[in-house]
């Protein structure tokens, strides 16, 4: 999933969309950037992602290197998800998407200033 051989072309826009351009990935990244890290927290988002889709997207994002999965409870097993450096690097893209939507799509929410002024974390 991370090599050019598995993409439909070498176009950087197309390859980025192949990796993260589905309906849910950027919503999950947004939630992670605003402090959510657990399955139930992602489910509580206003977009109401179905549980089976969330499970599949988290697995796909982990495989793509966008996030890290870490156990926070052993019995029963429960996990939290943290953005990797690669996932954090999506922050400026999401900020620009917010600016674009606020300019051209009436009725979109104004993101918190803390989100819009946040800098990419280079953990």
C-alpha atoms as a PDB file:
ATOM      1  CA  UNK A   1       0.000   0.000   0.000  1.00  0.00           C
ATOM      2  CA  UNK A   2       2.953   2.337   0.505  1.00  0.00           C
ATOM      3  CA  UNK A   3       4.791   1.711  -2.756  1.00  0.00           C
ATOM      4  CA  UNK A   4       4.244   3.124  -6.204  1.00  0.00           C
ATOM      5  CA  UNK A   5       3.655  -0.423  -7.500  1.00  0.00           C
ATOM      6  CA  UNK A   6       0.411  -0.632  -5.526  1.00  0.00           C
ATOM      7  CA  UNK A   7      -0.903   2.759  -6.712  1.00  0.00           C
ATOM      8  CA  UNK A   8      -2.806   3.497  -9.904  1.00  0.00           C
ATOM      9  CA  UNK A   9      -0.214   6.063 -11.049  1.00  0.00           C
ATOM     10  CA  UNK A  10       2.783   8.079  -9.947  1.00  0.00           C
ATOM     11  CA  UNK A  11       0.705  11.255  -9.586  1.00  0.00           C
ATOM     12  CA  UNK A  12       1.197  12.571  -6.018  1.00  0.00           C
ATOM     13  CA  UNK A  13      -2.452  13.641  -5.754  1.00  0.00           C
ATOM     14  CA  UNK A  14      -3.744  10.263  -6.952  1.00  0.00           C
ATOM     15  CA  UNK A  15      -1.389   8.329  -4.662  1.00  0.00           C
ATOM     16  CA  UNK A  16      -2.370  10.431  -1.641  1.00  0.00           C
ATOM     17  CA  UNK A  17      -6.035   9.829  -2.427  1.00  0.00           C
ATOM     18  CA  UNK A  18      -5.331   6.098  -2.809  1.00  0.00           C
ATOM     19  CA  UNK A  19      -3.872   6.114   0.689  1.00  0.00           C
ATOM     20  CA  UNK A  20      -6.161   8.501   2.563  1.00  0.00           C
ATOM     21  CA  UNK A  21      -8.880   9.740   0.245  1.00  0.00           C
ATOM     22  CA  UNK A  22     -11.835   7.626   1.296  1.00  0.00           C
ATOM     23  CA  UNK A  23     -14.872   9.007   3.117  1.00  0.00           C
ATOM     24  CA  UNK A  24     -13.553   8.298   6.645  1.00  0.00           C
ATOM     25  CA  UNK A  25      -9.750   8.478   6.909  1.00  0.00           C
ATOM     26  CA  UNK A  26      -9.435  12.261   7.192  1.00  0.00           C
ATOM     27  CA  UNK A  27     -12.339  12.325   9.689  1.00  0.00           C
ATOM     28  CA  UNK A  28     -10.467   9.825  11.881  1.00  0.00           C
ATOM     29  CA  UNK A  29      -7.232  11.839  11.528  1.00  0.00           C
ATOM     30  CA  UNK A  30      -9.170  15.009  12.465  1.00  0.00           C
ATOM     31  CA  UNK A  31     -10.498  13.264  15.565  1.00  0.00           C
ATOM     32  CA  UNK A  32      -7.021  12.098  16.519  1.00  0.00           C
ATOM     33  CA  UNK A  33      -5.645  15.610  16.049  1.00  0.00           C
ATOM     34  CA  UNK A  34      -8.331  16.934  18.407  1.00  0.00           C
ATOM     35  CA  UNK A  35      -7.522  14.442  21.165  1.00  0.00           C
ATOM     36  CA  UNK A  36      -9.523  11.297  20.461  1.00  0.00           C
ATOM     37  CA  UNK A  37      -7.592   8.046  20.605  1.00  0.00           C
ATOM     38  CA  UNK A  38     -10.013   5.246  21.464  1.00  0.00           C
ATOM     39  CA  UNK A  39     -12.550   3.303  19.437  1.00  0.00           C
ATOM     40  CA  UNK A  40     -15.563   4.557  21.397  1.00  0.00           C
ATOM     41  CA  UNK A  41     -14.402   8.153  21.057  1.00  0.00           C
ATOM     42  CA  UNK A  42     -14.249   7.817  17.275  1.00  0.00           C
ATOM     43  CA  UNK A  43     -17.756   6.312  17.268  1.00  0.00           C
ATOM     44  CA  UNK A  44     -19.067   9.364  19.159  1.00  0.00           C
ATOM     45  CA  UNK A  45     -18.127  11.755  16.333  1.00  0.00           C
ATOM     46  CA  UNK A  46     -21.044  13.555  14.652  1.00  0.00           C
ATOM     47  CA  UNK A  47     -20.465  11.718  11.361  1.00  0.00           C
ATOM     48  CA  UNK A  48     -21.483   8.397  13.030  1.00  0.00           C
ATOM     49  CA  UNK A  49     -19.033   6.024  11.381  1.00  0.00           C
ATOM     50  CA  UNK A  50     -20.316   2.417  11.463  1.00  0.00           C
ATOM     51  CA  UNK A  51     -18.292   0.107  13.729  1.00  0.00           C
ATOM     52  CA  UNK A  52     -17.289  -2.283  10.937  1.00  0.00           C
ATOM     53  CA  UNK A  53     -16.033   0.600   8.793  1.00  0.00           C
ATOM     54  CA  UNK A  54     -14.119   2.120  11.720  1.00  0.00           C
ATOM     55  CA  UNK A  55     -12.446  -1.218  12.457  1.00  0.00           C
ATOM     56  CA  UNK A  56     -11.424  -1.626   8.819  1.00  0.00           C
ATOM     57  CA  UNK A  57     -10.154   1.962   8.470  1.00  0.00           C
ATOM     58  CA  UNK A  58      -8.068   1.781  11.647  1.00  0.00           C
ATOM     59  CA  UNK A  59      -6.441  -1.434  10.397  1.00  0.00           C
ATOM     60  CA  UNK A  60      -5.803   0.101   6.984  1.00  0.00           C
ATOM     61  CA  UNK A  61      -4.379   3.295   8.509  1.00  0.00           C
ATOM     62  CA  UNK A  62      -2.073   1.263  10.765  1.00  0.00           C
ATOM     63  CA  UNK A  63      -0.872  -0.800   7.787  1.00  0.00           C
ATOM     64  CA  UNK A  64      -0.234   2.412   5.822  1.00  0.00           C
ATOM     65  CA  UNK A  65       1.848   3.812   8.689  1.00  0.00           C
ATOM     66  CA  UNK A  66      -0.523   6.682   9.504  1.00  0.00           C
ATOM     67  CA  UNK A  67      -1.120   5.563  13.075  1.00  0.00           C
ATOM     68  CA  UNK A  68       0.233   3.410  15.858  1.00  0.00           C
ATOM     69  CA  UNK A  69      -1.915   0.961  17.835  1.00  0.00           C
ATOM     70  CA  UNK A  70      -1.124   0.581  21.536  1.00  0.00           C
ATOM     71  CA  UNK A  71      -2.787  -1.604  24.171  1.00  0.00           C
ATOM     72  CA  UNK A  72      -4.036   0.323  27.198  1.00  0.00           C
ATOM     73  CA  UNK A  73      -5.874  -2.607  28.820  1.00  0.00           C
ATOM     74  CA  UNK A  74      -5.017  -6.296  28.665  1.00  0.00           C
ATOM     75  CA  UNK A  75      -8.194  -8.007  29.894  1.00  0.00           C
ATOM     76  CA  UNK A  76     -10.302  -7.544  27.908  1.00  0.00           C
ATOM     77  CA  UNK A  77      -7.873  -6.231  25.316  1.00  0.00           C
ATOM     78  CA  UNK A  78      -8.453  -2.567  24.485  1.00  0.00           C
ATOM     79  CA  UNK A  79      -6.379  -0.302  22.305  1.00  0.00           C
ATOM     80  CA  UNK A  80      -5.722   3.337  21.660  1.00  0.00           C
ATOM     81  CA  UNK A  81      -4.523   4.823  18.427  1.00  0.00           C
ATOM     82  CA  UNK A  82      -1.883   7.527  18.041  1.00  0.00           C
ATOM     83  CA  UNK A  83      -0.867   9.355  14.901  1.00  0.00           C
ATOM     84  CA  UNK A  84       2.562   8.498  13.580  1.00  0.00           C
ATOM     85  CA  UNK A  85       4.867  11.151  12.156  1.00  0.00           C
ATOM     86  CA  UNK A  86       3.421  10.277   8.743  1.00  0.00           C
ATOM     87  CA  UNK A  87      -0.128  10.743  10.058  1.00  0.00           C
ATOM     88  CA  UNK A  88       0.746  14.020  11.808  1.00  0.00           C
ATOM     89  CA  UNK A  89       2.091  15.326   8.508  1.00  0.00           C
ATOM     90  CA  UNK A  90      -1.534  15.376   7.253  1.00  0.00           C
ATOM     91  CA  UNK A  91      -2.326  18.284   9.620  1.00  0.00           C
ATOM     92  CA  UNK A  92      -1.588  21.085   7.108  1.00  0.00           C
ATOM     93  CA  UNK A  93      -3.776  19.345   4.519  1.00  0.00           C
ATOM     94  CA  UNK A  94      -6.699  19.195   6.954  1.00  0.00           C
ATOM     95  CA  UNK A  95      -6.167  22.831   7.942  1.00  0.00           C
ATOM     96  CA  UNK A  96      -6.294  23.881   4.278  1.00  0.00           C
ATOM     97  CA  UNK A  97      -9.411  21.755   3.730  1.00  0.00           C
ATOM     98  CA  UNK A  98     -11.036  23.655   6.616  1.00  0.00           C
ATOM     99  CA  UNK A  99     -10.055  27.022   5.138  1.00  0.00           C
ATOM    100  CA  UNK A 100     -11.364  26.025   1.726  1.00  0.00           C
ATOM    101  CA  UNK A 101     -14.675  24.706   3.111  1.00  0.00           C
ATOM    102  CA  UNK A 102     -15.186  27.781   5.312  1.00  0.00           C
ATOM    103  CA  UNK A 103     -14.641  29.989   2.257  1.00  0.00           C
ATOM    104  CA  UNK A 104     -16.702  28.110  -0.307  1.00  0.00           C
ATOM    105  CA  UNK A 105     -19.256  25.917   1.510  1.00  0.00           C
ATOM    106  CA  UNK A 106     -21.844  27.885   3.498  1.00  0.00           C
ATOM    107  CA  UNK A 107     -22.785  26.451   6.877  1.00  0.00           C
ATOM    108  CA  UNK A 108     -19.547  24.607   7.589  1.00  0.00           C
ATOM    109  CA  UNK A 109     -18.286  24.771  11.155  1.00  0.00           C
ATOM    110  CA  UNK A 110     -15.468  27.089  12.091  1.00  0.00           C
ATOM    111  CA  UNK A 111     -12.677  24.901  13.455  1.00  0.00           C
ATOM    112  CA  UNK A 112     -11.209  25.765  16.845  1.00  0.00           C
ATOM    113  CA  UNK A 113      -8.330  28.247  16.714  1.00  0.00           C
ATOM    114  CA  UNK A 114      -6.208  25.682  18.563  1.00  0.00           C
ATOM    115  CA  UNK A 115      -6.651  23.287  15.626  1.00  0.00           C
ATOM    116  CA  UNK A 116      -6.015  25.877  12.940  1.00  0.00           C
ATOM    117  CA  UNK A 117      -2.897  27.296  14.618  1.00  0.00           C
ATOM    118  CA  UNK A 118      -1.435  23.923  15.576  1.00  0.00           C
ATOM    119  CA  UNK A 119       1.916  23.048  14.056  1.00  0.00           C
ATOM    120  CA  UNK A 120       2.907  19.609  12.836  1.00  0.00           C
ATOM    121  CA  UNK A 121       4.323  17.551  15.686  1.00  0.00           C
ATOM    122  CA  UNK A 122       7.638  15.971  14.736  1.00  0.00           C
ATOM    123  CA  UNK A 123       7.660  13.259  17.412  1.00  0.00           C
END
